[in-house]
Amino acid sequence: PEEKTILVQYGIKKYENEDTVTEKLKTILSEKDIQRNIDTLIGTQRVRRIGPEILQNNESHTELPELPENLKDVIENL
């Protein structure tokens, strides 16, 4: 489960637009998983909403977790 959260966080870092993040991640996660992780990240203040569609990692509050080796390619190819 932690990997899914990390993928969503890095997806947000890369695209910021919620629809784009969802669209790109749908190739590897279910839409329900993506939404649940976004909600969790917002709830734990690791991600903040800065507009109707724009999400941003709250890096002043929490550093981004280390990206595991096995996920680097996944994020690069998003």
PDB file of N, CA and C in Angstrom:
ATOM      1  N   PRO A   1       0.821  -1.208   0.000  1.00  0.00           N
ATOM      2  CA  PRO A   1       0.000   0.000   0.000  1.00  0.00           C
ATOM      3  C   PRO A   1       0.862   1.269   0.000  1.00  0.00           C
ATOM      4  N   GLU A   2       1.984   1.240   0.707  1.00  0.00           N
ATOM      5  CA  GLU A   2       2.865   2.401   0.762  1.00  0.00           C
ATOM      6  C   GLU A   2       3.349   2.786  -0.637  1.00  0.00           C
ATOM      7  N   GLU A   3       3.611   1.778  -1.476  1.00  0.00           N
ATOM      8  CA  GLU A   3       4.077   2.064  -2.840  1.00  0.00           C
ATOM      9  C   GLU A   3       3.040   2.854  -3.628  1.00  0.00           C
ATOM     10  N   LYS A   4       1.772   2.515  -3.437  1.00  0.00           N
ATOM     11  CA  LYS A   4       0.710   3.229  -4.153  1.00  0.00           C
ATOM     12  C   LYS A   4       0.706   4.695  -3.747  1.00  0.00           C
ATOM     13  N   THR A   5       0.861   4.934  -2.457  1.00  0.00           N
ATOM     14  CA  THR A   5       0.864   6.302  -1.947  1.00  0.00           C
ATOM     15  C   THR A   5       2.038   7.076  -2.537  1.00  0.00           C
ATOM     16  N   ILE A   6       3.199   6.444  -2.570  1.00  0.00           N
ATOM     17  CA  ILE A   6       4.391   7.093  -3.121  1.00  0.00           C
ATOM     18  C   ILE A   6       4.181   7.398  -4.600  1.00  0.00           C
ATOM     19  N   LEU A   7       3.607   6.449  -5.331  1.00  0.00           N
ATOM     20  CA  LEU A   7       3.338   6.680  -6.759  1.00  0.00           C
ATOM     21  C   LEU A   7       2.422   7.886  -6.951  1.00  0.00           C
ATOM     22  N   VAL A   8       1.386   7.966  -6.131  1.00  0.00           N
ATOM     23  CA  VAL A   8       0.447   9.081  -6.246  1.00  0.00           C
ATOM     24  C   VAL A   8       1.170  10.399  -5.922  1.00  0.00           C
ATOM     25  N   GLN A   9       1.999  10.399  -4.872  1.00  0.00           N
ATOM     26  CA  GLN A   9       2.719  11.625  -4.506  1.00  0.00           C
ATOM     27  C   GLN A   9       3.636  12.091  -5.634  1.00  0.00           C
ATOM     28  N   TYR A  10       4.346  11.160  -6.234  1.00  0.00           N
ATOM     29  CA  TYR A  10       5.245  11.548  -7.321  1.00  0.00           C
ATOM     30  C   TYR A  10       4.477  11.926  -8.586  1.00  0.00           C
ATOM     31  N   GLY A  11       3.323  11.291  -8.776  1.00  0.00           N
ATOM     32  CA  GLY A  11       2.455  11.688  -9.891  1.00  0.00           C
ATOM     33  C   GLY A  11       2.008  13.126  -9.727  1.00  0.00           C
ATOM     34  N   ILE A  12       1.674  13.487  -8.490  1.00  0.00           N
ATOM     35  CA  ILE A  12       1.251  14.859  -8.184  1.00  0.00           C
ATOM     36  C   ILE A  12       2.421  15.815  -8.389  1.00  0.00           C
ATOM     37  N   LYS A  13       3.598  15.407  -7.960  1.00  0.00           N
ATOM     38  CA  LYS A  13       4.777  16.263  -8.120  1.00  0.00           C
ATOM     39  C   LYS A  13       5.026  16.537  -9.604  1.00  0.00           C
ATOM     40  N   LYS A  14       4.803  15.521 -10.423  1.00  0.00           N
ATOM     41  CA  LYS A  14       5.095  15.646 -11.844  1.00  0.00           C
ATOM     42  C   LYS A  14       4.032  16.450 -12.606  1.00  0.00           C
ATOM     43  N   TYR A  15       2.775  16.271 -12.250  1.00  0.00           N
ATOM     44  CA  TYR A  15       1.705  16.877 -13.067  1.00  0.00           C
ATOM     45  C   TYR A  15       0.839  17.927 -12.380  1.00  0.00           C
ATOM     46  N   GLU A  16       0.681  17.829 -11.072  1.00  0.00           N
ATOM     47  CA  GLU A  16      -0.136  18.762 -10.291  1.00  0.00           C
ATOM     48  C   GLU A  16      -1.632  18.782 -10.623  1.00  0.00           C
ATOM     49  N   ASN A  17      -2.010  18.659 -11.897  1.00  0.00           N
ATOM     50  CA  ASN A  17      -3.436  18.674 -12.234  1.00  0.00           C
ATOM     51  C   ASN A  17      -4.050  17.321 -11.871  1.00  0.00           C
ATOM     52  N   GLU A  18      -5.075  17.354 -11.034  1.00  0.00           N
ATOM     53  CA  GLU A  18      -5.660  16.116 -10.511  1.00  0.00           C
ATOM     54  C   GLU A  18      -6.145  15.174 -11.614  1.00  0.00           C
ATOM     55  N   ASP A  19      -6.811  15.733 -12.635  1.00  0.00           N
ATOM     56  CA  ASP A  19      -7.301  14.885 -13.728  1.00  0.00           C
ATOM     57  C   ASP A  19      -6.153  14.227 -14.482  1.00  0.00           C
ATOM     58  N   THR A  20      -5.090  14.982 -14.711  1.00  0.00           N
ATOM     59  CA  THR A  20      -3.928  14.437 -15.419  1.00  0.00           C
ATOM     60  C   THR A  20      -3.275  13.339 -14.591  1.00  0.00           C
ATOM     61  N   VAL A  21      -3.121  13.597 -13.308  1.00  0.00           N
ATOM     62  CA  VAL A  21      -2.520  12.603 -12.407  1.00  0.00           C
ATOM     63  C   VAL A  21      -3.332  11.306 -12.466  1.00  0.00           C
ATOM     64  N   THR A  22      -4.650  11.440 -12.350  1.00  0.00           N
ATOM     65  CA  THR A  22      -5.527  10.270 -12.375  1.00  0.00           C
ATOM     66  C   THR A  22      -5.398   9.547 -13.712  1.00  0.00           C
ATOM     67  N   GLU A  23      -5.442  10.306 -14.787  1.00  0.00           N
ATOM     68  CA  GLU A  23      -5.341   9.745 -16.134  1.00  0.00           C
ATOM     69  C   GLU A  23      -4.045   8.952 -16.304  1.00  0.00           C
ATOM     70  N   LYS A  24      -2.934   9.534 -15.885  1.00  0.00           N
ATOM     71  CA  LYS A  24      -1.624   8.888 -16.059  1.00  0.00           C
ATOM     72  C   LYS A  24      -1.482   7.654 -15.161  1.00  0.00           C
ATOM     73  N   LEU A  25      -1.977   7.753 -13.947  1.00  0.00           N
ATOM     74  CA  LEU A  25      -1.815   6.640 -13.007  1.00  0.00           C
ATOM     75  C   LEU A  25      -2.785   5.494 -13.265  1.00  0.00           C
ATOM     76  N   LYS A  26      -3.856   5.767 -14.016  1.00  0.00           N
ATOM     77  CA  LYS A  26      -4.850   4.722 -14.288  1.00  0.00           C
ATOM     78  C   LYS A  26      -4.255   3.517 -15.014  1.00  0.00           C
ATOM     79  N   THR A  27      -3.102   3.694 -15.642  1.00  0.00           N
ATOM     80  CA  THR A  27      -2.471   2.565 -16.321  1.00  0.00           C
ATOM     81  C   THR A  27      -1.887   1.574 -15.313  1.00  0.00           C
ATOM     82  N   ILE A  28      -1.653   2.026 -14.066  1.00  0.00           N
ATOM     83  CA  ILE A  28      -1.052   1.132 -13.075  1.00  0.00           C
ATOM     84  C   ILE A  28      -1.873   0.955 -11.807  1.00  0.00           C
ATOM     85  N   LEU A  29      -2.794   1.866 -11.529  1.00  0.00           N
ATOM     86  CA  LEU A  29      -3.635   1.760 -10.333  1.00  0.00           C
ATOM     87  C   LEU A  29      -5.096   1.933 -10.723  1.00  0.00           C
ATOM     88  N   SER A  30      -5.991   1.411  -9.891  1.00  0.00           N
ATOM     89  CA  SER A  30      -7.406   1.637 -10.173  1.00  0.00           C
ATOM     90  C   SER A  30      -7.755   3.069  -9.782  1.00  0.00           C
ATOM     91  N   GLU A  31      -8.784   3.605 -10.417  1.00  0.00           N
ATOM     92  CA  GLU A  31      -9.187   4.979 -10.135  1.00  0.00           C
ATOM     93  C   GLU A  31      -9.557   5.135  -8.653  1.00  0.00           C
ATOM     94  N   LYS A  32     -10.180   4.087  -8.114  1.00  0.00           N
ATOM     95  CA  LYS A  32     -10.567   4.099  -6.704  1.00  0.00           C
ATOM     96  C   LYS A  32      -9.325   4.199  -5.804  1.00  0.00           C
ATOM     97  N   ASP A  33      -8.288   3.431  -6.145  1.00  0.00           N
ATOM     98  CA  ASP A  33      -7.027   3.479  -5.398  1.00  0.00           C
ATOM     99  C   ASP A  33      -6.414   4.872  -5.454  1.00  0.00           C
ATOM    100  N   ILE A  34      -6.412   5.452  -6.639  1.00  0.00           N
ATOM    101  CA  ILE A  34      -5.818   6.781  -6.832  1.00  0.00           C
ATOM    102  C   ILE A  34      -6.559   7.792  -5.958  1.00  0.00           C
ATOM    103  N   GLN A  35      -7.895   7.778  -6.054  1.00  0.00           N
ATOM    104  CA  GLN A  35      -8.700   8.738  -5.301  1.00  0.00           C
ATOM    105  C   GLN A  35      -8.526   8.549  -3.797  1.00  0.00           C
ATOM    106  N   ARG A  36      -8.504   7.293  -3.372  1.00  0.00           N
ATOM    107  CA  ARG A  36      -8.341   7.005  -1.949  1.00  0.00           C
ATOM    108  C   ARG A  36      -6.995   7.532  -1.448  1.00  0.00           C
ATOM    109  N   ASN A  37      -5.959   7.325  -2.246  1.00  0.00           N
ATOM    110  CA  ASN A  37      -4.628   7.795  -1.845  1.00  0.00           C
ATOM    111  C   ASN A  37      -4.548   9.320  -1.839  1.00  0.00           C
ATOM    112  N   ILE A  38      -5.176   9.965  -2.820  1.00  0.00           N
ATOM    113  CA  ILE A  38      -5.204  11.431  -2.841  1.00  0.00           C
ATOM    114  C   ILE A  38      -5.905  11.931  -1.570  1.00  0.00           C
ATOM    115  N   ASP A  39      -7.041  11.326  -1.243  1.00  0.00           N
ATOM    116  CA  ASP A  39      -7.785  11.735  -0.043  1.00  0.00           C
ATOM    117  C   ASP A  39      -6.955  11.537   1.223  1.00  0.00           C
ATOM    118  N   THR A  40      -6.260  10.403   1.298  1.00  0.00           N
ATOM    119  CA  THR A  40      -5.406  10.122   2.455  1.00  0.00           C
ATOM    120  C   THR A  40      -4.279  11.133   2.548  1.00  0.00           C
ATOM    121  N   LEU A  41      -3.647  11.422   1.409  1.00  0.00           N
ATOM    122  CA  LEU A  41      -2.535  12.373   1.395  1.00  0.00           C
ATOM    123  C   LEU A  41      -2.994  13.770   1.813  1.00  0.00           C
ATOM    124  N   ILE A  42      -4.188  14.157   1.379  1.00  0.00           N
ATOM    125  CA  ILE A  42      -4.732  15.456   1.778  1.00  0.00           C
ATOM    126  C   ILE A  42      -5.076  15.422   3.276  1.00  0.00           C
ATOM    127  N   GLY A  43      -5.690  14.323   3.706  1.00  0.00           N
ATOM    128  CA  GLY A  43      -6.075  14.177   5.112  1.00  0.00           C
ATOM    129  C   GLY A  43      -4.887  14.206   6.056  1.00  0.00           C
ATOM    130  N   THR A  44      -3.762  13.676   5.626  1.00  0.00           N
ATOM    131  CA  THR A  44      -2.566  13.650   6.473  1.00  0.00           C
ATOM    132  C   THR A  44      -1.674  14.850   6.184  1.00  0.00           C
ATOM    133  N   GLN A  45      -2.183  15.780   5.390  1.00  0.00           N
ATOM    134  CA  GLN A  45      -1.494  17.031   5.058  1.00  0.00           C
ATOM    135  C   GLN A  45      -0.184  16.844   4.307  1.00  0.00           C
ATOM    136  N   ARG A  46      -0.048  15.706   3.632  1.00  0.00           N
ATOM    137  CA  ARG A  46       1.151  15.523   2.822  1.00  0.00           C
ATOM    138  C   ARG A  46       0.962  16.136   1.448  1.00  0.00           C
ATOM    139  N   VAL A  47      -0.307  16.330   1.091  1.00  0.00           N
ATOM    140  CA  VAL A  47      -0.652  16.965  -0.180  1.00  0.00           C
ATOM    141  C   VAL A  47      -1.709  18.014   0.126  1.00  0.00           C
ATOM    142  N   ARG A  48      -1.647  19.129  -0.590  1.00  0.00           N
ATOM    143  CA  ARG A  48      -2.694  20.137  -0.395  1.00  0.00           C
ATOM    144  C   ARG A  48      -3.310  20.481  -1.732  1.00  0.00           C
ATOM    145  N   ARG A  49      -4.534  20.918  -1.650  1.00  0.00           N
ATOM    146  CA  ARG A  49      -5.269  21.338  -2.835  1.00  0.00           C
ATOM    147  C   ARG A  49      -5.068  22.844  -2.949  1.00  0.00           C
ATOM    148  N   ILE A  50      -4.561  23.323  -4.097  1.00  0.00           N
ATOM    149  CA  ILE A  50      -4.332  24.765  -4.223  1.00  0.00           C
ATOM    150  C   ILE A  50      -5.206  25.382  -5.304  1.00  0.00           C
ATOM    151  N   GLY A  51      -6.252  24.692  -5.657  1.00  0.00           N
ATOM    152  CA  GLY A  51      -7.193  25.184  -6.653  1.00  0.00           C
ATOM    153  C   GLY A  51      -8.151  24.047  -6.911  1.00  0.00           C
ATOM    154  N   PRO A  52      -9.179  24.273  -7.713  1.00  0.00           N
ATOM    155  CA  PRO A  52     -10.166  23.220  -7.936  1.00  0.00           C
ATOM    156  C   PRO A  52      -9.550  21.933  -8.483  1.00  0.00           C
ATOM    157  N   GLU A  53      -8.536  22.033  -9.318  1.00  0.00           N
ATOM    158  CA  GLU A  53      -7.973  20.822  -9.920  1.00  0.00           C
ATOM    159  C   GLU A  53      -6.502  20.640  -9.609  1.00  0.00           C
ATOM    160  N   ILE A  54      -5.918  21.592  -8.896  1.00  0.00           N
ATOM    161  CA  ILE A  54      -4.472  21.551  -8.718  1.00  0.00           C
ATOM    162  C   ILE A  54      -4.108  20.999  -7.343  1.00  0.00           C
ATOM    163  N   LEU A  55      -3.245  20.000  -7.358  1.00  0.00           N
ATOM    164  CA  LEU A  55      -2.753  19.386  -6.129  1.00  0.00           C
ATOM    165  C   LEU A  55      -1.264  19.656  -6.037  1.00  0.00           C
ATOM    166  N   GLN A  56      -0.772  19.767  -4.827  1.00  0.00           N
ATOM    167  CA  GLN A  56       0.651  20.031  -4.660  1.00  0.00           C
ATOM    168  C   GLN A  56       1.132  19.301  -3.419  1.00  0.00           C
ATOM    169  N   ASN A  57       2.313  18.709  -3.514  1.00  0.00           N
ATOM    170  CA  ASN A  57       2.887  18.080  -2.334  1.00  0.00           C
ATOM    171  C   ASN A  57       3.202  19.185  -1.345  1.00  0.00           C
ATOM    172  N   ASN A  58       2.854  18.941  -0.114  1.00  0.00           N
ATOM    173  CA  ASN A  58       3.039  19.933   0.938  1.00  0.00           C
ATOM    174  C   ASN A  58       4.441  19.747   1.502  1.00  0.00           C
ATOM    175  N   GLU A  59       5.449  20.055   0.691  1.00  0.00           N
ATOM    176  CA  GLU A  59       6.821  19.715   1.068  1.00  0.00           C
ATOM    177  C   GLU A  59       7.347  20.537   2.233  1.00  0.00           C
ATOM    178  N   SER A  60       6.710  21.658   2.529  1.00  0.00           N
ATOM    179  CA  SER A  60       7.143  22.421   3.705  1.00  0.00           C
ATOM    180  C   SER A  60       6.700  21.686   4.972  1.00  0.00           C
ATOM    181  N   HIS A  61       5.668  20.869   4.826  1.00  0.00           N
ATOM    182  CA  HIS A  61       5.108  20.143   5.969  1.00  0.00           C
ATOM    183  C   HIS A  61       5.758  18.759   6.116  1.00  0.00           C
ATOM    184  N   THR A  62       5.904  18.065   5.012  1.00  0.00           N
ATOM    185  CA  THR A  62       6.470  16.712   5.018  1.00  0.00           C
ATOM    186  C   THR A  62       7.319  16.533   3.777  1.00  0.00           C
ATOM    187  N   GLU A  63       8.492  15.980   3.942  1.00  0.00           N
ATOM    188  CA  GLU A  63       9.317  15.710   2.761  1.00  0.00           C
ATOM    189  C   GLU A  63       8.717  14.562   1.980  1.00  0.00           C
ATOM    190  N   LEU A  64       8.972  14.582   0.669  1.00  0.00           N
ATOM    191  CA  LEU A  64       8.531  13.457  -0.154  1.00  0.00           C
ATOM    192  C   LEU A  64       9.306  12.223   0.280  1.00  0.00           C
ATOM    193  N   PRO A  65       8.634  11.073   0.325  1.00  0.00           N
ATOM    194  CA  PRO A  65       9.367   9.847   0.672  1.00  0.00           C
ATOM    195  C   PRO A  65      10.374   9.515  -0.427  1.00  0.00           C
ATOM    196  N   GLU A  66      11.382   8.786  -0.054  1.00  0.00           N
ATOM    197  CA  GLU A  66      12.380   8.320  -1.018  1.00  0.00           C
ATOM    198  C   GLU A  66      11.668   7.498  -2.089  1.00  0.00           C
ATOM    199  N   LEU A  67      12.024   7.714  -3.331  1.00  0.00           N
ATOM    200  CA  LEU A  67      11.413   6.934  -4.412  1.00  0.00           C
ATOM    201  C   LEU A  67      12.184   5.618  -4.552  1.00  0.00           C
ATOM    202  N   PRO A  68      11.527   4.488  -4.258  1.00  0.00           N
ATOM    203  CA  PRO A  68      12.218   3.198  -4.371  1.00  0.00           C
ATOM    204  C   PRO A  68      12.696   2.948  -5.804  1.00  0.00           C
ATOM    205  N   GLU A  69      13.827   2.290  -5.924  1.00  0.00           N
ATOM    206  CA  GLU A  69      14.420   1.996  -7.238  1.00  0.00           C
ATOM    207  C   GLU A  69      13.393   1.441  -8.221  1.00  0.00           C
ATOM    208  N   ASN A  70      12.604   0.461  -7.740  1.00  0.00           N
ATOM    209  CA  ASN A  70      11.670  -0.219  -8.644  1.00  0.00           C
ATOM    210  C   ASN A  70      10.555   0.691  -9.149  1.00  0.00           C
ATOM    211  N   LEU A  71      10.395   1.872  -8.549  1.00  0.00           N
ATOM    212  CA  LEU A  71       9.336   2.777  -8.995  1.00  0.00           C
ATOM    213  C   LEU A  71       9.865   3.910  -9.878  1.00  0.00           C
ATOM    214  N   LYS A  72      11.191   4.062  -9.930  1.00  0.00           N
ATOM    215  CA  LYS A  72      11.753   5.181 -10.701  1.00  0.00           C
ATOM    216  C   LYS A  72      11.344   5.155 -12.161  1.00  0.00           C
ATOM    217  N   ASP A  73      11.441   3.983 -12.784  1.00  0.00           N
ATOM    218  CA  ASP A  73      11.043   3.852 -14.187  1.00  0.00           C
ATOM    219  C   ASP A  73       9.569   4.149 -14.369  1.00  0.00           C
ATOM    220  N   VAL A  74       8.767   3.650 -13.438  1.00  0.00           N
ATOM    221  CA  VAL A  74       7.326   3.834 -13.518  1.00  0.00           C
ATOM    222  C   VAL A  74       7.015   5.336 -13.571  1.00  0.00           C
ATOM    223  N   ILE A  75       7.617   6.097 -12.676  1.00  0.00           N
ATOM    224  CA  ILE A  75       7.371   7.543 -12.624  1.00  0.00           C
ATOM    225  C   ILE A  75       7.918   8.242 -13.867  1.00  0.00           C
ATOM    226  N   GLU A  76       9.117   7.852 -14.283  1.00  0.00           N
ATOM    227  CA  GLU A  76       9.697   8.464 -15.487  1.00  0.00           C
ATOM    228  C   GLU A  76       8.808   8.259 -16.704  1.00  0.00           C
ATOM    229  N   ASN A  77       8.178   7.099 -16.767  1.00  0.00           N
ATOM    230  CA  ASN A  77       7.363   6.766 -17.938  1.00  0.00           C
ATOM    231  C   ASN A  77       5.927   7.243 -17.856  1.00  0.00           C
ATOM    232  N   LEU A  78       5.544   7.858 -16.756  1.00  0.00           N
ATOM    233  CA  LEU A  78       4.166   8.345 -16.607  1.00  0.00           C
ATOM    234  C   LEU A  78       3.859   9.409 -17.648  1.00  0.00           C
TER     235      LEU A  78
END
